[in-house]
Amino acid sequence: MDYQKKFKKTLLSQPNCILGKNGVTNEFIKHVNKLLKRYKVIKIKALKSVATKSNIKELAHITSKLSNSYLIDVRGKMFILSLYDFDKSN
């Protein structure tokens, strides 16, 4: 399955994990890495207590940087990370 199809499947599915009130911790990053290794593309939902409209992109960038992944999309309080970079021109 190519990554565009994986992205669409992930976009329509339930979140793989939830970023809670503790924020981005070492345990959260370990869990994200485990999920990325298994699924290649994951969806993360941030709770209201940790994410606001102004800092959701910052949280997404921090999570992608610490997990050595690529930030693909941010929509509302959800963001999608991928183990590999997508070519958005296709």
PDB file of N, CA and C in Angstrom:
ATOM      1  N   MET A   1       0.853  -1.182   0.000  1.00  0.00           N
ATOM      2  CA  MET A   1       0.000   0.000   0.000  1.00  0.00           C
ATOM      3  C   MET A   1       0.898   1.243   0.000  1.00  0.00           C
ATOM      4  N   ASP A   2       0.642   2.158  -0.918  1.00  0.00           N
ATOM      5  CA  ASP A   2       1.468   3.358  -0.944  1.00  0.00           C
ATOM      6  C   ASP A   2       1.060   4.325   0.167  1.00  0.00           C
ATOM      7  N   TYR A   3       1.873   5.321   0.386  1.00  0.00           N
ATOM      8  CA  TYR A   3       1.685   6.194   1.537  1.00  0.00           C
ATOM      9  C   TYR A   3       0.501   7.134   1.396  1.00  0.00           C
ATOM     10  N   GLN A   4       0.121   7.474   0.173  1.00  0.00           N
ATOM     11  CA  GLN A   4      -1.072   8.299  -0.002  1.00  0.00           C
ATOM     12  C   GLN A   4      -2.315   7.551   0.488  1.00  0.00           C
ATOM     13  N   LYS A   5      -2.388   6.272   0.181  1.00  0.00           N
ATOM     14  CA  LYS A   5      -3.521   5.466   0.648  1.00  0.00           C
ATOM     15  C   LYS A   5      -3.470   5.294   2.151  1.00  0.00           C
ATOM     16  N   LYS A   6      -2.262   5.103   2.708  1.00  0.00           N
ATOM     17  CA  LYS A   6      -2.124   4.989   4.156  1.00  0.00           C
ATOM     18  C   LYS A   6      -2.544   6.284   4.836  1.00  0.00           C
ATOM     19  N   PHE A   7      -2.187   7.421   4.225  1.00  0.00           N
ATOM     20  CA  PHE A   7      -2.577   8.714   4.786  1.00  0.00           C
ATOM     21  C   PHE A   7      -4.092   8.847   4.811  1.00  0.00           C
ATOM     22  N   LYS A   8      -4.744   8.523   3.713  1.00  0.00           N
ATOM     23  CA  LYS A   8      -6.204   8.633   3.644  1.00  0.00           C
ATOM     24  C   LYS A   8      -6.877   7.696   4.639  1.00  0.00           C
ATOM     25  N   LYS A   9      -6.343   6.483   4.759  1.00  0.00           N
ATOM     26  CA  LYS A   9      -6.889   5.521   5.709  1.00  0.00           C
ATOM     27  C   LYS A   9      -6.734   6.033   7.136  1.00  0.00           C
ATOM     28  N   THR A  10      -5.576   6.604   7.450  1.00  0.00           N
ATOM     29  CA  THR A  10      -5.320   7.137   8.780  1.00  0.00           C
ATOM     30  C   THR A  10      -6.188   8.357   9.058  1.00  0.00           C
ATOM     31  N   LEU A  11      -6.377   9.193   8.058  1.00  0.00           N
ATOM     32  CA  LEU A  11      -7.182  10.396   8.211  1.00  0.00           C
ATOM     33  C   LEU A  11      -8.626  10.062   8.572  1.00  0.00           C
ATOM     34  N   LEU A  12      -9.142   8.989   8.015  1.00  0.00           N
ATOM     35  CA  LEU A  12     -10.529   8.606   8.260  1.00  0.00           C
ATOM     36  C   LEU A  12     -10.714   7.717   9.482  1.00  0.00           C
ATOM     37  N   SER A  13      -9.631   7.222  10.048  1.00  0.00           N
ATOM     38  CA  SER A  13      -9.740   6.296  11.177  1.00  0.00           C
ATOM     39  C   SER A  13      -9.715   7.026  12.516  1.00  0.00           C
ATOM     40  N   GLN A  14      -9.887   6.265  13.581  1.00  0.00           N
ATOM     41  CA  GLN A  14      -9.791   6.791  14.935  1.00  0.00           C
ATOM     42  C   GLN A  14      -8.329   7.098  15.255  1.00  0.00           C
ATOM     43  N   PRO A  15      -8.069   7.993  16.230  1.00  0.00           N
ATOM     44  CA  PRO A  15      -6.681   8.292  16.608  1.00  0.00           C
ATOM     45  C   PRO A  15      -5.963   7.071  17.169  1.00  0.00           C
ATOM     46  N   ASN A  16      -4.676   6.944  16.858  1.00  0.00           N
ATOM     47  CA  ASN A  16      -3.875   5.844  17.386  1.00  0.00           C
ATOM     48  C   ASN A  16      -3.480   6.080  18.831  1.00  0.00           C
ATOM     49  N   CYS A  17      -3.280   7.335  19.209  1.00  0.00           N
ATOM     50  CA  CYS A  17      -2.968   7.645  20.612  1.00  0.00           C
ATOM     51  C   CYS A  17      -3.461   9.048  20.942  1.00  0.00           C
ATOM     52  N   ILE A  18      -3.488   9.339  22.238  1.00  0.00           N
ATOM     53  CA  ILE A  18      -4.008  10.609  22.722  1.00  0.00           C
ATOM     54  C   ILE A  18      -2.935  11.305  23.548  1.00  0.00           C
ATOM     55  N   LEU A  19      -2.709  12.560  23.234  1.00  0.00           N
ATOM     56  CA  LEU A  19      -1.770  13.383  23.989  1.00  0.00           C
ATOM     57  C   LEU A  19      -2.536  13.997  25.153  1.00  0.00           C
ATOM     58  N   GLY A  20      -2.210  13.567  26.359  1.00  0.00           N
ATOM     59  CA  GLY A  20      -2.968  13.965  27.543  1.00  0.00           C
ATOM     60  C   GLY A  20      -2.402  15.169  28.247  1.00  0.00           C
ATOM     61  N   LYS A  21      -2.885  15.376  29.477  1.00  0.00           N
ATOM     62  CA  LYS A  21      -2.548  16.579  30.228  1.00  0.00           C
ATOM     63  C   LYS A  21      -1.082  16.647  30.649  1.00  0.00           C
ATOM     64  N   ASN A  22      -0.379  15.510  30.655  1.00  0.00           N
ATOM     65  CA  ASN A  22       1.042  15.531  31.003  1.00  0.00           C
ATOM     66  C   ASN A  22       1.899  16.097  29.879  1.00  0.00           C
ATOM     67  N   GLY A  23       1.354  16.190  28.701  1.00  0.00           N
ATOM     68  CA  GLY A  23       2.085  16.756  27.570  1.00  0.00           C
ATOM     69  C   GLY A  23       3.019  15.745  26.929  1.00  0.00           C
ATOM     70  N   VAL A  24       4.036  16.264  26.260  1.00  0.00           N
ATOM     71  CA  VAL A  24       4.989  15.422  25.539  1.00  0.00           C
ATOM     72  C   VAL A  24       6.058  14.957  26.534  1.00  0.00           C
ATOM     73  N   THR A  25       5.934  13.711  26.979  1.00  0.00           N
ATOM     74  CA  THR A  25       6.888  13.135  27.923  1.00  0.00           C
ATOM     75  C   THR A  25       7.711  12.065  27.224  1.00  0.00           C
ATOM     76  N   ASN A  26       8.720  11.560  27.906  1.00  0.00           N
ATOM     77  CA  ASN A  26       9.544  10.482  27.336  1.00  0.00           C
ATOM     78  C   ASN A  26       8.715   9.240  27.065  1.00  0.00           C
ATOM     79  N   GLU A  27       7.793   8.918  27.965  1.00  0.00           N
ATOM     80  CA  GLU A  27       6.940   7.739  27.778  1.00  0.00           C
ATOM     81  C   GLU A  27       6.048   7.909  26.553  1.00  0.00           C
ATOM     82  N   PHE A  28       5.523   9.134  26.361  1.00  0.00           N
ATOM     83  CA  PHE A  28       4.687   9.401  25.200  1.00  0.00           C
ATOM     84  C   PHE A  28       5.485   9.232  23.912  1.00  0.00           C
ATOM     85  N   ILE A  29       6.708   9.737  23.887  1.00  0.00           N
ATOM     86  CA  ILE A  29       7.559   9.623  22.695  1.00  0.00           C
ATOM     87  C   ILE A  29       7.894   8.160  22.417  1.00  0.00           C
ATOM     88  N   LYS A  30       8.168   7.380  23.459  1.00  0.00           N
ATOM     89  CA  LYS A  30       8.435   5.946  23.268  1.00  0.00           C
ATOM     90  C   LYS A  30       7.221   5.249  22.668  1.00  0.00           C
ATOM     91  N   HIS A  31       6.036   5.624  23.152  1.00  0.00           N
ATOM     92  CA  HIS A  31       4.803   5.028  22.630  1.00  0.00           C
ATOM     93  C   HIS A  31       4.588   5.421  21.164  1.00  0.00           C
ATOM     94  N   VAL A  32       4.841   6.674  20.844  1.00  0.00           N
ATOM     95  CA  VAL A  32       4.700   7.151  19.458  1.00  0.00           C
ATOM     96  C   VAL A  32       5.681   6.416  18.550  1.00  0.00           C
ATOM     97  N   ASN A  33       6.918   6.241  18.995  1.00  0.00           N
ATOM     98  CA  ASN A  33       7.908   5.515  18.189  1.00  0.00           C
ATOM     99  C   ASN A  33       7.479   4.073  17.938  1.00  0.00           C
ATOM    100  N   LYS A  34       6.911   3.437  18.967  1.00  0.00           N
ATOM    101  CA  LYS A  34       6.434   2.063  18.821  1.00  0.00           C
ATOM    102  C   LYS A  34       5.299   1.996  17.800  1.00  0.00           C
ATOM    103  N   LEU A  35       4.370   2.953  17.878  1.00  0.00           N
ATOM    104  CA  LEU A  35       3.255   2.992  16.932  1.00  0.00           C
ATOM    105  C   LEU A  35       3.727   3.290  15.512  1.00  0.00           C
ATOM    106  N   LEU A  36       4.684   4.196  15.375  1.00  0.00           N
ATOM    107  CA  LEU A  36       5.218   4.514  14.043  1.00  0.00           C
ATOM    108  C   LEU A  36       5.915   3.311  13.423  1.00  0.00           C
ATOM    109  N   LYS A  37       6.631   2.574  14.228  1.00  0.00           N
ATOM    110  CA  LYS A  37       7.316   1.386  13.723  1.00  0.00           C
ATOM    111  C   LYS A  37       6.303   0.356  13.215  1.00  0.00           C
ATOM    112  N   ARG A  38       5.170   0.276  13.906  1.00  0.00           N
ATOM    113  CA  ARG A  38       4.155  -0.713  13.546  1.00  0.00           C
ATOM    114  C   ARG A  38       3.276  -0.267  12.376  1.00  0.00           C
ATOM    115  N   TYR A  39       2.780   0.988  12.419  1.00  0.00           N
ATOM    116  CA  TYR A  39       1.790   1.440  11.439  1.00  0.00           C
ATOM    117  C   TYR A  39       2.343   2.348  10.340  1.00  0.00           C
ATOM    118  N   LYS A  40       3.526   2.931  10.526  1.00  0.00           N
ATOM    119  CA  LYS A  40       4.180   3.845   9.584  1.00  0.00           C
ATOM    120  C   LYS A  40       3.518   5.224   9.529  1.00  0.00           C
ATOM    121  N   VAL A  41       2.202   5.317   9.628  1.00  0.00           N
ATOM    122  CA  VAL A  41       1.473   6.586   9.638  1.00  0.00           C
ATOM    123  C   VAL A  41       0.485   6.524  10.797  1.00  0.00           C
ATOM    124  N   ILE A  42       0.551   7.512  11.715  1.00  0.00           N
ATOM    125  CA  ILE A  42      -0.345   7.492  12.876  1.00  0.00           C
ATOM    126  C   ILE A  42      -1.039   8.837  13.051  1.00  0.00           C
ATOM    127  N   LYS A  43      -2.172   8.766  13.735  1.00  0.00           N
ATOM    128  CA  LYS A  43      -2.969   9.940  14.026  1.00  0.00           C
ATOM    129  C   LYS A  43      -2.977  10.141  15.537  1.00  0.00           C
ATOM    130  N   ILE A  44      -2.692  11.366  15.972  1.00  0.00           N
ATOM    131  CA  ILE A  44      -2.631  11.681  17.394  1.00  0.00           C
ATOM    132  C   ILE A  44      -3.639  12.780  17.699  1.00  0.00           C
ATOM    133  N   LYS A  45      -4.411  12.559  18.747  1.00  0.00           N
ATOM    134  CA  LYS A  45      -5.396  13.545  19.192  1.00  0.00           C
ATOM    135  C   LYS A  45      -4.878  14.184  20.471  1.00  0.00           C
ATOM    136  N   ALA A  46      -4.927  15.505  20.545  1.00  0.00           N
ATOM    137  CA  ALA A  46      -4.525  16.229  21.745  1.00  0.00           C
ATOM    138  C   ALA A  46      -5.782  16.657  22.497  1.00  0.00           C
ATOM    139  N   LEU A  47      -5.790  16.428  23.792  1.00  0.00           N
ATOM    140  CA  LEU A  47      -6.932  16.816  24.606  1.00  0.00           C
ATOM    141  C   LEU A  47      -6.991  18.333  24.786  1.00  0.00           C
ATOM    142  N   LYS A  48      -8.185  18.826  25.133  1.00  0.00           N
ATOM    143  CA  LYS A  48      -8.377  20.261  25.337  1.00  0.00           C
ATOM    144  C   LYS A  48      -7.485  20.810  26.436  1.00  0.00           C
ATOM    145  N   SER A  49      -7.198  19.982  27.438  1.00  0.00           N
ATOM    146  CA  SER A  49      -6.422  20.456  28.585  1.00  0.00           C
ATOM    147  C   SER A  49      -4.974  20.766  28.217  1.00  0.00           C
ATOM    148  N   VAL A  50      -4.466  20.174  27.152  1.00  0.00           N
ATOM    149  CA  VAL A  50      -3.067  20.407  26.771  1.00  0.00           C
ATOM    150  C   VAL A  50      -2.941  21.262  25.510  1.00  0.00           C
ATOM    151  N   ALA A  51      -3.930  21.245  24.649  1.00  0.00           N
ATOM    152  CA  ALA A  51      -3.804  21.918  23.352  1.00  0.00           C
ATOM    153  C   ALA A  51      -4.803  23.061  23.212  1.00  0.00           C
ATOM    154  N   THR A  52      -4.309  24.147  22.702  1.00  0.00           N
ATOM    155  CA  THR A  52      -5.161  25.260  22.302  1.00  0.00           C
ATOM    156  C   THR A  52      -4.904  25.506  20.822  1.00  0.00           C
ATOM    157  N   LYS A  53      -5.694  26.388  20.244  1.00  0.00           N
ATOM    158  CA  LYS A  53      -5.499  26.671  18.817  1.00  0.00           C
ATOM    159  C   LYS A  53      -4.114  27.230  18.536  1.00  0.00           C
ATOM    160  N   SER A  54      -3.558  27.949  19.498  1.00  0.00           N
ATOM    161  CA  SER A  54      -2.271  28.594  19.260  1.00  0.00           C
ATOM    162  C   SER A  54      -1.083  27.643  19.416  1.00  0.00           C
ATOM    163  N   ASN A  55      -1.208  26.602  20.250  1.00  0.00           N
ATOM    164  CA  ASN A  55      -0.023  25.771  20.493  1.00  0.00           C
ATOM    165  C   ASN A  55      -0.111  24.359  19.934  1.00  0.00           C
ATOM    166  N   ILE A  56      -1.154  24.002  19.221  1.00  0.00           N
ATOM    167  CA  ILE A  56      -1.269  22.640  18.692  1.00  0.00           C
ATOM    168  C   ILE A  56      -0.187  22.375  17.649  1.00  0.00           C
ATOM    169  N   LYS A  57       0.120  23.359  16.815  1.00  0.00           N
ATOM    170  CA  LYS A  57       1.174  23.171  15.806  1.00  0.00           C
ATOM    171  C   LYS A  57       2.534  23.023  16.469  1.00  0.00           C
ATOM    172  N   GLU A  58       2.752  23.792  17.536  1.00  0.00           N
ATOM    173  CA  GLU A  58       4.012  23.686  18.276  1.00  0.00           C
ATOM    174  C   GLU A  58       4.147  22.302  18.908  1.00  0.00           C
ATOM    175  N   LEU A  59       3.079  21.794  19.504  1.00  0.00           N
ATOM    176  CA  LEU A  59       3.104  20.446  20.084  1.00  0.00           C
ATOM    177  C   LEU A  59       3.367  19.393  19.014  1.00  0.00           C
ATOM    178  N   ALA A  60       2.749  19.561  17.849  1.00  0.00           N
ATOM    179  CA  ALA A  60       2.940  18.616  16.751  1.00  0.00           C
ATOM    180  C   ALA A  60       4.387  18.630  16.267  1.00  0.00           C
ATOM    181  N   HIS A  61       4.981  19.816  16.143  1.00  0.00           N
ATOM    182  CA  HIS A  61       6.376  19.913  15.700  1.00  0.00           C
ATOM    183  C   HIS A  61       7.323  19.315  16.734  1.00  0.00           C
ATOM    184  N   ILE A  62       7.064  19.557  18.004  1.00  0.00           N
ATOM    185  CA  ILE A  62       7.910  19.002  19.064  1.00  0.00           C
ATOM    186  C   ILE A  62       7.827  17.477  19.041  1.00  0.00           C
ATOM    187  N   THR A  63       6.616  16.945  18.919  1.00  0.00           N
ATOM    188  CA  THR A  63       6.434  15.494  18.887  1.00  0.00           C
ATOM    189  C   THR A  63       7.136  14.881  17.690  1.00  0.00           C
ATOM    190  N   SER A  64       7.011  15.503  16.517  1.00  0.00           N
ATOM    191  CA  SER A  64       7.653  14.941  15.319  1.00  0.00           C
ATOM    192  C   SER A  64       9.177  15.021  15.424  1.00  0.00           C
ATOM    193  N   LYS A  65       9.680  16.102  15.996  1.00  0.00           N
ATOM    194  CA  LYS A  65      11.126  16.254  16.135  1.00  0.00           C
ATOM    195  C   LYS A  65      11.696  15.219  17.098  1.00  0.00           C
ATOM    196  N   LEU A  66      11.037  15.025  18.249  1.00  0.00           N
ATOM    197  CA  LEU A  66      11.536  14.091  19.245  1.00  0.00           C
ATOM    198  C   LEU A  66      11.391  12.632  18.822  1.00  0.00           C
ATOM    199  N   SER A  67      10.407  12.353  17.979  1.00  0.00           N
ATOM    200  CA  SER A  67      10.202  10.976  17.533  1.00  0.00           C
ATOM    201  C   SER A  67      10.874  10.692  16.190  1.00  0.00           C
ATOM    202  N   ASN A  68      11.610  11.668  15.655  1.00  0.00           N
ATOM    203  CA  ASN A  68      12.291  11.528  14.358  1.00  0.00           C
ATOM    204  C   ASN A  68      11.323  11.109  13.258  1.00  0.00           C
ATOM    205  N   SER A  69      10.189  11.788  13.207  1.00  0.00           N
ATOM    206  CA  SER A  69       9.181  11.500  12.191  1.00  0.00           C
ATOM    207  C   SER A  69       8.840  12.791  11.452  1.00  0.00           C
ATOM    208  N   TYR A  70       7.933  12.684  10.501  1.00  0.00           N
ATOM    209  CA  TYR A  70       7.527  13.826   9.693  1.00  0.00           C
ATOM    210  C   TYR A  70       6.100  14.211  10.034  1.00  0.00           C
ATOM    211  N   LEU A  71       5.868  15.493  10.219  1.00  0.00           N
ATOM    212  CA  LEU A  71       4.527  16.014  10.450  1.00  0.00           C
ATOM    213  C   LEU A  71       3.851  16.174   9.097  1.00  0.00           C
ATOM    214  N   ILE A  72       2.765  15.455   8.902  1.00  0.00           N
ATOM    215  CA  ILE A  72       2.085  15.471   7.610  1.00  0.00           C
ATOM    216  C   ILE A  72       0.935  16.457   7.588  1.00  0.00           C
ATOM    217  N   ASP A  73       0.126  16.478   8.658  1.00  0.00           N
ATOM    218  CA  ASP A  73      -1.085  17.283   8.636  1.00  0.00           C
ATOM    219  C   ASP A  73      -1.489  17.663  10.053  1.00  0.00           C
ATOM    220  N   VAL A  74      -2.038  18.863  10.212  1.00  0.00           N
ATOM    221  CA  VAL A  74      -2.618  19.306  11.481  1.00  0.00           C
ATOM    222  C   VAL A  74      -4.025  19.785  11.182  1.00  0.00           C
ATOM    223  N   ARG A  75      -5.008  19.163  11.835  1.00  0.00           N
ATOM    224  CA  ARG A  75      -6.410  19.553  11.652  1.00  0.00           C
ATOM    225  C   ARG A  75      -7.081  19.612  13.013  1.00  0.00           C
ATOM    226  N   GLY A  76      -7.454  20.796  13.411  1.00  0.00           N
ATOM    227  CA  GLY A  76      -8.074  20.955  14.713  1.00  0.00           C
ATOM    228  C   GLY A  76      -7.108  20.569  15.810  1.00  0.00           C
ATOM    229  N   LYS A  77      -7.515  19.633  16.647  1.00  0.00           N
ATOM    230  CA  LYS A  77      -6.649  19.147  17.720  1.00  0.00           C
ATOM    231  C   LYS A  77      -6.026  17.795  17.368  1.00  0.00           C
ATOM    232  N   MET A  78      -6.041  17.443  16.101  1.00  0.00           N
ATOM    233  CA  MET A  78      -5.451  16.193  15.643  1.00  0.00           C
ATOM    234  C   MET A  78      -4.298  16.488  14.693  1.00  0.00           C
ATOM    235  N   PHE A  79      -3.285  15.623  14.755  1.00  0.00           N
ATOM    236  CA  PHE A  79      -2.195  15.725  13.791  1.00  0.00           C
ATOM    237  C   PHE A  79      -1.739  14.338  13.391  1.00  0.00           C
ATOM    238  N   ILE A  80      -1.163  14.263  12.191  1.00  0.00           N
ATOM    239  CA  ILE A  80      -0.748  12.989  11.611  1.00  0.00           C
ATOM    240  C   ILE A  80       0.764  13.010  11.427  1.00  0.00           C
ATOM    241  N   LEU A  81       1.403  11.952  11.930  1.00  0.00           N
ATOM    242  CA  LEU A  81       2.843  11.778  11.796  1.00  0.00           C
ATOM    243  C   LEU A  81       3.131  10.578  10.910  1.00  0.00           C
ATOM    244  N   SER A  82       4.237  10.648  10.190  1.00  0.00           N
ATOM    245  CA  SER A  82       4.643   9.549   9.325  1.00  0.00           C
ATOM    246  C   SER A  82       6.106   9.238   9.554  1.00  0.00           C
ATOM    247  N   LEU A  83       6.442   7.979   9.385  1.00  0.00           N
ATOM    248  CA  LEU A  83       7.827   7.555   9.507  1.00  0.00           C
ATOM    249  C   LEU A  83       8.645   8.048   8.319  1.00  0.00           C
ATOM    250  N   TYR A  84       7.996   8.216   7.168  1.00  0.00           N
ATOM    251  CA  TYR A  84       8.662   8.666   5.944  1.00  0.00           C
ATOM    252  C   TYR A  84       7.994   9.928   5.428  1.00  0.00           C
ATOM    253  N   ASP A  85       8.747  10.724   4.707  1.00  0.00           N
ATOM    254  CA  ASP A  85       8.228  11.977   4.148  1.00  0.00           C
ATOM    255  C   ASP A  85       7.372  11.674   2.920  1.00  0.00           C
ATOM    256  N   PHE A  86       6.279  12.397   2.773  1.00  0.00           N
ATOM    257  CA  PHE A  86       5.406  12.263   1.601  1.00  0.00           C
ATOM    258  C   PHE A  86       5.845  13.274   0.557  1.00  0.00           C
ATOM    259  N   ASP A  87       5.674  12.892  -0.696  1.00  0.00           N
ATOM    260  CA  ASP A  87       5.834  13.860  -1.771  1.00  0.00           C
ATOM    261  C   ASP A  87       4.448  14.392  -2.067  1.00  0.00           C
ATOM    262  N   LYS A  88       4.153  15.622  -1.658  1.00  0.00           N
ATOM    263  CA  LYS A  88       2.799  16.165  -1.754  1.00  0.00           C
ATOM    264  C   LYS A  88       2.415  16.518  -3.168  1.00  0.00           C
ATOM    265  N   SER A  89       3.341  16.488  -4.107  1.00  0.00           N
ATOM    266  CA  SER A  89       3.003  16.824  -5.485  1.00  0.00           C
ATOM    267  C   SER A  89       2.247  15.706  -6.182  1.00  0.00           C
ATOM    268  N   ASN A  90       2.340  14.466  -5.663  1.00  0.00           N
ATOM    269  CA  ASN A  90       1.650  13.340  -6.298  1.00  0.00           C
ATOM    270  C   ASN A  90       0.233  13.254  -5.842  1.00  0.00           C
TER     271      ASN A  90
END
